[in-house]
């Protein structure tokens, strides 16, 4: 497996990520098998979004991890979509990340992306939210 060095950190993420959008359709045993197989193949990069499965995908992922060390994983999530609309407000971004952290049972995300950025968003407000999250150690 090839790994990508992340600038300014010691984190190395697998060049292949496992998208977790449909993991909510699996039972816990199936999710455990999926994650175990991914890790055995060297995949340590897992992609999430707060809206995947209405948040259930993140919960299923956390349940399936068991005692796998958090620092051996590269977890990315996305935010900014609410049912039927985009929301890139600082308030929504902060709440979205807090929800993802709770569902994933972790203290931090390795990466946070805007899910389908909207040309009408306020870049300064997004930057403020990301700065707040970075300073808090959440992303």
N, C-alpha and C. Protein backbone atom coordinates (compact mmCIF):
# COMPACT_ATOMS: atom_id res chain seq x y z
N UNK A 1 0.85 -1.18 0.00
CA UNK A 1 0.00 0.00 0.00
C UNK A 1 0.89 1.24 0.00
N UNK A 2 0.56 2.17 -0.84
CA UNK A 2 1.25 3.45 -0.83
C UNK A 2 0.58 4.34 0.23
N UNK A 3 1.39 5.19 0.85
CA UNK A 3 0.89 6.11 1.85
C UNK A 3 1.27 7.54 1.48
N UNK A 4 0.40 8.45 1.83
CA UNK A 4 0.62 9.86 1.55
C UNK A 4 1.06 10.56 2.83
N UNK A 5 2.13 11.32 2.72
CA UNK A 5 2.54 12.14 3.86
C UNK A 5 1.69 13.39 3.87
N UNK A 6 1.18 13.73 5.03
CA UNK A 6 0.35 14.92 5.17
C UNK A 6 1.26 16.05 5.64
N UNK A 7 1.39 17.13 4.85
CA UNK A 7 2.30 18.22 5.21
C UNK A 7 2.03 18.75 6.62
N UNK A 8 3.09 19.09 7.29
CA UNK A 8 3.12 19.66 8.64
C UNK A 8 2.64 18.70 9.73
N UNK A 9 2.51 17.42 9.40
CA UNK A 9 2.14 16.43 10.42
C UNK A 9 2.98 15.17 10.21
N UNK A 10 2.87 14.25 11.13
CA UNK A 10 3.55 12.96 10.99
C UNK A 10 2.58 11.90 10.49
N UNK A 11 1.36 12.31 10.17
CA UNK A 11 0.33 11.37 9.73
C UNK A 11 0.62 10.88 8.32
N UNK A 12 0.47 9.58 8.14
CA UNK A 12 0.56 8.98 6.80
C UNK A 12 -0.77 8.29 6.54
N UNK A 13 -1.43 8.70 5.48
CA UNK A 13 -2.73 8.14 5.11
C UNK A 13 -2.56 7.25 3.89
N UNK A 14 -3.28 6.15 3.88
CA UNK A 14 -3.22 5.25 2.73
C UNK A 14 -3.70 5.99 1.48
N UNK A 15 -3.09 5.66 0.35
CA UNK A 15 -3.46 6.31 -0.91
C UNK A 15 -4.88 5.94 -1.34
N UNK A 16 -5.39 4.86 -0.79
CA UNK A 16 -6.76 4.44 -1.04
C UNK A 16 -7.56 4.68 0.23
N UNK A 17 -8.72 5.28 0.09
CA UNK A 17 -9.58 5.47 1.26
C UNK A 17 -10.82 4.59 1.13
N UNK A 18 -11.39 4.26 2.26
CA UNK A 18 -12.63 3.51 2.27
C UNK A 18 -13.76 4.50 2.51
N UNK A 19 -14.62 4.66 1.53
CA UNK A 19 -15.78 5.53 1.67
C UNK A 19 -16.82 4.83 2.53
N UNK A 20 -17.30 5.53 3.54
CA UNK A 20 -18.20 4.91 4.52
C UNK A 20 -19.66 5.33 4.37
N UNK A 21 -20.03 5.83 3.18
CA UNK A 21 -21.38 6.33 2.98
C UNK A 21 -22.44 5.25 3.24
N UNK A 22 -22.21 4.05 2.81
CA UNK A 22 -23.24 3.02 2.90
C UNK A 22 -23.03 2.03 4.04
N UNK A 23 -22.13 2.34 4.95
CA UNK A 23 -21.84 1.41 6.04
C UNK A 23 -23.05 1.25 6.97
N UNK A 24 -23.96 2.21 6.96
CA UNK A 24 -25.15 2.10 7.81
C UNK A 24 -26.06 0.95 7.36
N UNK A 25 -25.90 0.50 6.13
CA UNK A 25 -26.71 -0.62 5.62
C UNK A 25 -26.19 -1.97 6.12
N UNK A 26 -25.02 -1.97 6.76
CA UNK A 26 -24.43 -3.21 7.27
C UNK A 26 -24.78 -3.38 8.74
N UNK A 27 -24.82 -4.63 9.18
CA UNK A 27 -24.94 -4.84 10.62
C UNK A 27 -23.54 -4.71 11.22
N UNK A 28 -23.43 -4.71 12.53
CA UNK A 28 -22.14 -4.48 13.17
C UNK A 28 -21.11 -5.53 12.78
N UNK A 29 -21.51 -6.80 12.69
CA UNK A 29 -20.57 -7.85 12.30
C UNK A 29 -20.05 -7.64 10.88
N UNK A 30 -20.92 -7.26 9.97
CA UNK A 30 -20.50 -6.99 8.59
C UNK A 30 -19.56 -5.78 8.55
N UNK A 31 -19.88 -4.75 9.32
CA UNK A 31 -19.03 -3.57 9.36
C UNK A 31 -17.66 -3.91 9.94
N UNK A 32 -17.63 -4.73 10.98
CA UNK A 32 -16.36 -5.16 11.57
C UNK A 32 -15.51 -5.89 10.53
N UNK A 33 -16.14 -6.78 9.77
CA UNK A 33 -15.42 -7.54 8.74
C UNK A 33 -14.88 -6.59 7.66
N UNK A 34 -15.69 -5.62 7.25
CA UNK A 34 -15.26 -4.64 6.25
C UNK A 34 -14.04 -3.86 6.74
N UNK A 35 -14.11 -3.35 7.96
CA UNK A 35 -13.00 -2.55 8.49
C UNK A 35 -11.75 -3.41 8.70
N UNK A 36 -11.94 -4.61 9.22
CA UNK A 36 -10.80 -5.51 9.43
C UNK A 36 -10.11 -5.82 8.10
N UNK A 37 -10.90 -6.11 7.08
CA UNK A 37 -10.34 -6.41 5.75
C UNK A 37 -9.59 -5.20 5.20
N UNK A 38 -10.18 -4.02 5.34
CA UNK A 38 -9.51 -2.79 4.87
C UNK A 38 -8.17 -2.61 5.57
N UNK A 39 -8.18 -2.73 6.89
CA UNK A 39 -6.94 -2.55 7.66
C UNK A 39 -5.90 -3.61 7.30
N UNK A 40 -6.33 -4.85 7.10
CA UNK A 40 -5.40 -5.92 6.70
C UNK A 40 -4.74 -5.62 5.36
N UNK A 41 -5.44 -4.89 4.50
CA UNK A 41 -4.89 -4.53 3.19
C UNK A 41 -4.09 -3.22 3.24
N UNK A 42 -3.99 -2.63 4.43
CA UNK A 42 -3.21 -1.41 4.59
C UNK A 42 -4.00 -0.13 4.49
N UNK A 43 -5.30 -0.23 4.31
CA UNK A 43 -6.14 0.98 4.23
C UNK A 43 -6.37 1.49 5.65
N UNK A 44 -5.95 2.74 5.89
CA UNK A 44 -6.18 3.36 7.20
C UNK A 44 -6.92 4.69 7.06
N UNK A 45 -7.32 5.03 5.84
CA UNK A 45 -7.96 6.31 5.52
C UNK A 45 -9.45 6.02 5.31
N UNK A 46 -10.28 6.62 6.18
CA UNK A 46 -11.72 6.39 6.14
C UNK A 46 -12.44 7.72 5.93
N UNK A 47 -13.31 7.74 4.92
CA UNK A 47 -14.03 8.95 4.54
C UNK A 47 -15.48 8.90 5.01
N UNK A 48 -15.88 9.94 5.73
CA UNK A 48 -17.24 10.05 6.27
C UNK A 48 -17.86 11.39 5.87
N UNK A 49 -19.13 11.52 6.17
CA UNK A 49 -19.85 12.80 6.10
C UNK A 49 -20.98 12.71 7.12
N UNK A 50 -21.30 13.84 7.69
CA UNK A 50 -22.33 13.87 8.72
C UNK A 50 -23.68 13.38 8.21
N UNK A 51 -23.92 13.52 6.91
CA UNK A 51 -25.24 13.13 6.37
C UNK A 51 -25.32 11.67 5.94
N UNK A 52 -24.20 10.96 5.89
CA UNK A 52 -24.23 9.56 5.44
C UNK A 52 -25.08 8.73 6.40
N UNK A 53 -26.15 8.19 5.86
CA UNK A 53 -27.05 7.38 6.67
C UNK A 53 -27.71 8.17 7.78
N UNK A 54 -27.81 9.50 7.60
CA UNK A 54 -28.38 10.34 8.65
C UNK A 54 -27.55 10.31 9.92
N UNK A 55 -26.25 10.07 9.80
CA UNK A 55 -25.35 9.98 10.95
C UNK A 55 -25.12 8.54 11.40
N UNK A 56 -25.96 7.65 10.95
CA UNK A 56 -25.85 6.25 11.37
C UNK A 56 -24.59 5.58 10.84
N UNK A 57 -24.08 6.03 9.71
CA UNK A 57 -22.84 5.44 9.17
C UNK A 57 -21.67 5.69 10.12
N UNK A 58 -21.61 6.88 10.69
CA UNK A 58 -20.54 7.18 11.65
C UNK A 58 -20.69 6.33 12.91
N UNK A 59 -21.92 6.16 13.37
CA UNK A 59 -22.16 5.34 14.57
C UNK A 59 -21.77 3.89 14.32
N UNK A 60 -22.14 3.35 13.17
CA UNK A 60 -21.82 1.96 12.84
C UNK A 60 -20.30 1.78 12.74
N UNK A 61 -19.63 2.75 12.14
CA UNK A 61 -18.17 2.71 12.03
C UNK A 61 -17.54 2.65 13.42
N UNK A 62 -17.97 3.51 14.32
CA UNK A 62 -17.42 3.55 15.68
C UNK A 62 -17.66 2.23 16.40
N UNK A 63 -18.85 1.67 16.24
CA UNK A 63 -19.17 0.39 16.88
C UNK A 63 -18.30 -0.73 16.33
N UNK A 64 -17.99 -0.68 15.05
CA UNK A 64 -17.21 -1.72 14.41
C UNK A 64 -15.73 -1.65 14.74
N UNK A 65 -15.24 -0.49 15.14
CA UNK A 65 -13.81 -0.32 15.40
C UNK A 65 -13.33 -1.13 16.59
N UNK A 66 -14.16 -1.28 17.59
CA UNK A 66 -13.73 -2.02 18.77
C UNK A 66 -12.52 -1.37 19.42
N UNK A 67 -11.45 -2.13 19.60
CA UNK A 67 -10.27 -1.62 20.30
C UNK A 67 -9.14 -1.18 19.36
N UNK A 68 -9.46 -0.92 18.11
CA UNK A 68 -8.44 -0.44 17.16
C UNK A 68 -7.98 0.95 17.60
N UNK A 69 -6.67 1.14 17.68
CA UNK A 69 -6.10 2.40 18.16
C UNK A 69 -6.46 3.55 17.23
N UNK A 70 -6.98 4.61 17.80
CA UNK A 70 -7.39 5.78 17.02
C UNK A 70 -6.24 6.37 16.24
N UNK A 71 -5.04 6.40 16.82
CA UNK A 71 -3.92 7.04 16.14
C UNK A 71 -3.38 6.22 14.97
N UNK A 72 -3.96 5.04 14.74
CA UNK A 72 -3.56 4.24 13.57
C UNK A 72 -4.49 4.51 12.38
N UNK A 73 -5.49 5.38 12.58
CA UNK A 73 -6.48 5.67 11.55
C UNK A 73 -6.38 7.11 11.09
N UNK A 74 -6.74 7.33 9.84
CA UNK A 74 -6.87 8.68 9.29
C UNK A 74 -8.35 8.85 8.97
N UNK A 75 -9.03 9.68 9.77
CA UNK A 75 -10.47 9.84 9.61
C UNK A 75 -10.77 11.24 9.06
N UNK A 76 -11.45 11.23 7.94
CA UNK A 76 -11.87 12.47 7.27
C UNK A 76 -13.40 12.52 7.29
N UNK A 77 -13.94 13.71 7.48
CA UNK A 77 -15.39 13.86 7.36
C UNK A 77 -15.70 15.12 6.56
N UNK A 78 -16.96 15.22 6.21
CA UNK A 78 -17.43 16.36 5.43
C UNK A 78 -18.67 16.95 6.08
N UNK A 79 -18.90 18.23 5.83
CA UNK A 79 -20.07 18.90 6.38
C UNK A 79 -20.58 19.93 5.38
N UNK A 80 -21.77 20.44 5.64
CA UNK A 80 -22.30 21.53 4.83
C UNK A 80 -23.59 21.22 4.10
N UNK A 81 -24.07 19.99 4.21
CA UNK A 81 -25.33 19.66 3.55
C UNK A 81 -26.36 19.30 4.62
N UNK A 82 -27.48 19.95 4.55
CA UNK A 82 -28.63 19.58 5.35
C UNK A 82 -29.65 19.01 4.37
N UNK A 83 -30.60 18.22 4.85
CA UNK A 83 -31.59 17.71 3.90
C UNK A 83 -32.25 18.84 3.10
N UNK A 84 -32.07 18.78 1.79
CA UNK A 84 -32.70 19.76 0.91
C UNK A 84 -31.99 21.09 0.75
N UNK A 85 -30.84 21.27 1.41
CA UNK A 85 -30.15 22.57 1.29
C UNK A 85 -28.68 22.46 1.70
N UNK A 86 -27.93 23.47 1.35
CA UNK A 86 -26.55 23.60 1.79
C UNK A 86 -26.52 24.56 2.96
N UNK A 87 -25.60 24.34 3.88
CA UNK A 87 -25.45 25.24 5.03
C UNK A 87 -23.98 25.28 5.42
N UNK A 88 -23.31 26.35 5.02
CA UNK A 88 -21.91 26.53 5.34
C UNK A 88 -21.72 27.63 6.37
N UNK A 89 -22.72 27.83 7.21
CA UNK A 89 -22.60 28.81 8.28
C UNK A 89 -21.64 28.28 9.34
N UNK A 90 -21.01 29.20 10.04
CA UNK A 90 -20.10 28.82 11.12
C UNK A 90 -20.84 27.95 12.13
N UNK A 91 -22.03 28.35 12.49
CA UNK A 91 -22.82 27.61 13.48
C UNK A 91 -23.05 26.16 13.04
N UNK A 92 -23.44 25.99 11.78
CA UNK A 92 -23.70 24.63 11.30
C UNK A 92 -22.43 23.80 11.22
N UNK A 93 -21.34 24.37 10.75
CA UNK A 93 -20.08 23.64 10.65
C UNK A 93 -19.63 23.17 12.03
N UNK A 94 -19.68 24.06 13.02
CA UNK A 94 -19.26 23.68 14.37
C UNK A 94 -20.16 22.59 14.94
N UNK A 95 -21.46 22.72 14.76
CA UNK A 95 -22.40 21.72 15.27
C UNK A 95 -22.23 20.39 14.54
N UNK A 96 -21.98 20.46 13.24
CA UNK A 96 -21.78 19.26 12.44
C UNK A 96 -20.57 18.47 12.92
N UNK A 97 -19.47 19.17 13.15
CA UNK A 97 -18.26 18.50 13.62
C UNK A 97 -18.47 17.90 15.01
N UNK A 98 -19.10 18.65 15.89
CA UNK A 98 -19.37 18.11 17.23
C UNK A 98 -20.22 16.85 17.14
N UNK A 99 -21.21 16.84 16.26
CA UNK A 99 -22.04 15.66 16.07
C UNK A 99 -21.25 14.48 15.53
N UNK A 100 -20.40 14.75 14.55
CA UNK A 100 -19.57 13.69 13.97
C UNK A 100 -18.62 13.11 15.02
N UNK A 101 -17.99 13.98 15.79
CA UNK A 101 -17.06 13.50 16.82
C UNK A 101 -17.78 12.60 17.82
N UNK A 102 -18.97 13.01 18.21
CA UNK A 102 -19.75 12.21 19.16
C UNK A 102 -20.11 10.85 18.56
N UNK A 103 -20.61 10.86 17.32
CA UNK A 103 -21.01 9.60 16.68
C UNK A 103 -19.81 8.69 16.40
N UNK A 104 -18.68 9.28 16.03
CA UNK A 104 -17.48 8.50 15.74
C UNK A 104 -16.71 8.10 17.01
N UNK A 105 -17.13 8.65 18.15
CA UNK A 105 -16.49 8.38 19.44
C UNK A 105 -14.99 8.68 19.40
N UNK A 106 -14.70 9.88 18.92
CA UNK A 106 -13.31 10.34 18.86
C UNK A 106 -13.26 11.81 19.26
N UNK A 107 -12.07 12.27 19.59
CA UNK A 107 -11.88 13.66 20.01
C UNK A 107 -11.50 14.58 18.85
N UNK A 108 -11.10 13.98 17.72
CA UNK A 108 -10.63 14.81 16.61
C UNK A 108 -10.83 14.11 15.27
N UNK A 109 -10.90 14.92 14.23
CA UNK A 109 -10.88 14.45 12.84
C UNK A 109 -9.52 14.80 12.27
N UNK A 110 -8.99 13.95 11.42
CA UNK A 110 -7.72 14.27 10.78
C UNK A 110 -7.90 15.27 9.64
N UNK A 111 -9.07 15.26 9.02
CA UNK A 111 -9.36 16.20 7.94
C UNK A 111 -10.85 16.50 7.93
N UNK A 112 -11.17 17.71 7.55
CA UNK A 112 -12.56 18.14 7.39
C UNK A 112 -12.68 18.83 6.05
N UNK A 113 -13.68 18.42 5.29
CA UNK A 113 -13.94 19.01 3.98
C UNK A 113 -15.33 19.62 3.95
N UNK A 114 -15.51 20.59 3.07
CA UNK A 114 -16.85 21.08 2.78
C UNK A 114 -17.45 20.13 1.75
N UNK A 115 -18.64 19.66 2.04
CA UNK A 115 -19.32 18.70 1.16
C UNK A 115 -20.05 19.49 0.07
N UNK A 116 -19.56 19.40 -1.14
CA UNK A 116 -20.13 20.13 -2.28
C UNK A 116 -20.23 21.64 -1.99
N UNK A 117 -19.09 22.30 -1.92
CA UNK A 117 -19.12 23.74 -1.59
C UNK A 117 -20.09 24.53 -2.47
N UNK A 118 -20.74 25.47 -1.86
CA UNK A 118 -21.75 26.31 -2.49
C UNK A 118 -21.11 27.65 -2.84
N UNK A 119 -21.29 28.12 -4.06
CA UNK A 119 -20.70 29.40 -4.47
C UNK A 119 -21.29 30.58 -3.70
N UNK A 120 -22.39 30.38 -3.03
CA UNK A 120 -23.00 31.46 -2.26
C UNK A 120 -22.55 31.49 -0.80
N UNK A 121 -21.66 30.59 -0.41
CA UNK A 121 -21.20 30.57 0.98
C UNK A 121 -20.32 31.80 1.25
N UNK A 122 -20.16 32.09 2.52
CA UNK A 122 -19.32 33.20 2.95
C UNK A 122 -17.95 32.65 3.35
N UNK A 123 -16.92 32.83 2.52
CA UNK A 123 -15.61 32.24 2.80
C UNK A 123 -15.04 32.64 4.16
N UNK A 124 -15.27 33.87 4.57
CA UNK A 124 -14.75 34.33 5.86
C UNK A 124 -15.39 33.57 7.02
N UNK A 125 -16.67 33.28 6.89
CA UNK A 125 -17.38 32.56 7.95
C UNK A 125 -16.89 31.10 8.01
N UNK A 126 -16.67 30.51 6.86
CA UNK A 126 -16.14 29.14 6.80
C UNK A 126 -14.74 29.12 7.41
N UNK A 127 -13.90 30.07 7.05
CA UNK A 127 -12.54 30.15 7.58
C UNK A 127 -12.56 30.31 9.10
N UNK A 128 -13.47 31.12 9.59
CA UNK A 128 -13.61 31.32 11.03
C UNK A 128 -13.96 30.01 11.73
N UNK A 129 -14.89 29.26 11.15
CA UNK A 129 -15.28 27.98 11.73
C UNK A 129 -14.10 27.01 11.74
N UNK A 130 -13.39 26.92 10.63
CA UNK A 130 -12.25 26.00 10.55
C UNK A 130 -11.15 26.41 11.54
N UNK A 131 -10.93 27.69 11.68
CA UNK A 131 -9.92 28.17 12.64
C UNK A 131 -10.33 27.81 14.07
N UNK A 132 -11.59 27.98 14.39
CA UNK A 132 -12.10 27.62 15.72
C UNK A 132 -11.89 26.14 15.98
N UNK A 133 -12.22 25.31 15.00
CA UNK A 133 -12.06 23.86 15.15
C UNK A 133 -10.60 23.46 15.28
N UNK A 134 -9.74 24.09 14.51
CA UNK A 134 -8.31 23.80 14.57
C UNK A 134 -7.74 24.16 15.94
N UNK A 135 -8.07 25.36 16.41
CA UNK A 135 -7.55 25.81 17.72
C UNK A 135 -8.06 24.93 18.86
N UNK A 136 -9.25 24.37 18.70
CA UNK A 136 -9.83 23.50 19.74
C UNK A 136 -9.27 22.07 19.65
N UNK A 137 -8.47 21.80 18.61
CA UNK A 137 -7.91 20.46 18.44
C UNK A 137 -8.91 19.44 17.91
N UNK A 138 -10.02 19.92 17.38
CA UNK A 138 -11.05 19.01 16.88
C UNK A 138 -10.79 18.58 15.44
N UNK A 139 -10.01 19.36 14.70
CA UNK A 139 -9.67 19.04 13.31
C UNK A 139 -8.20 19.41 13.09
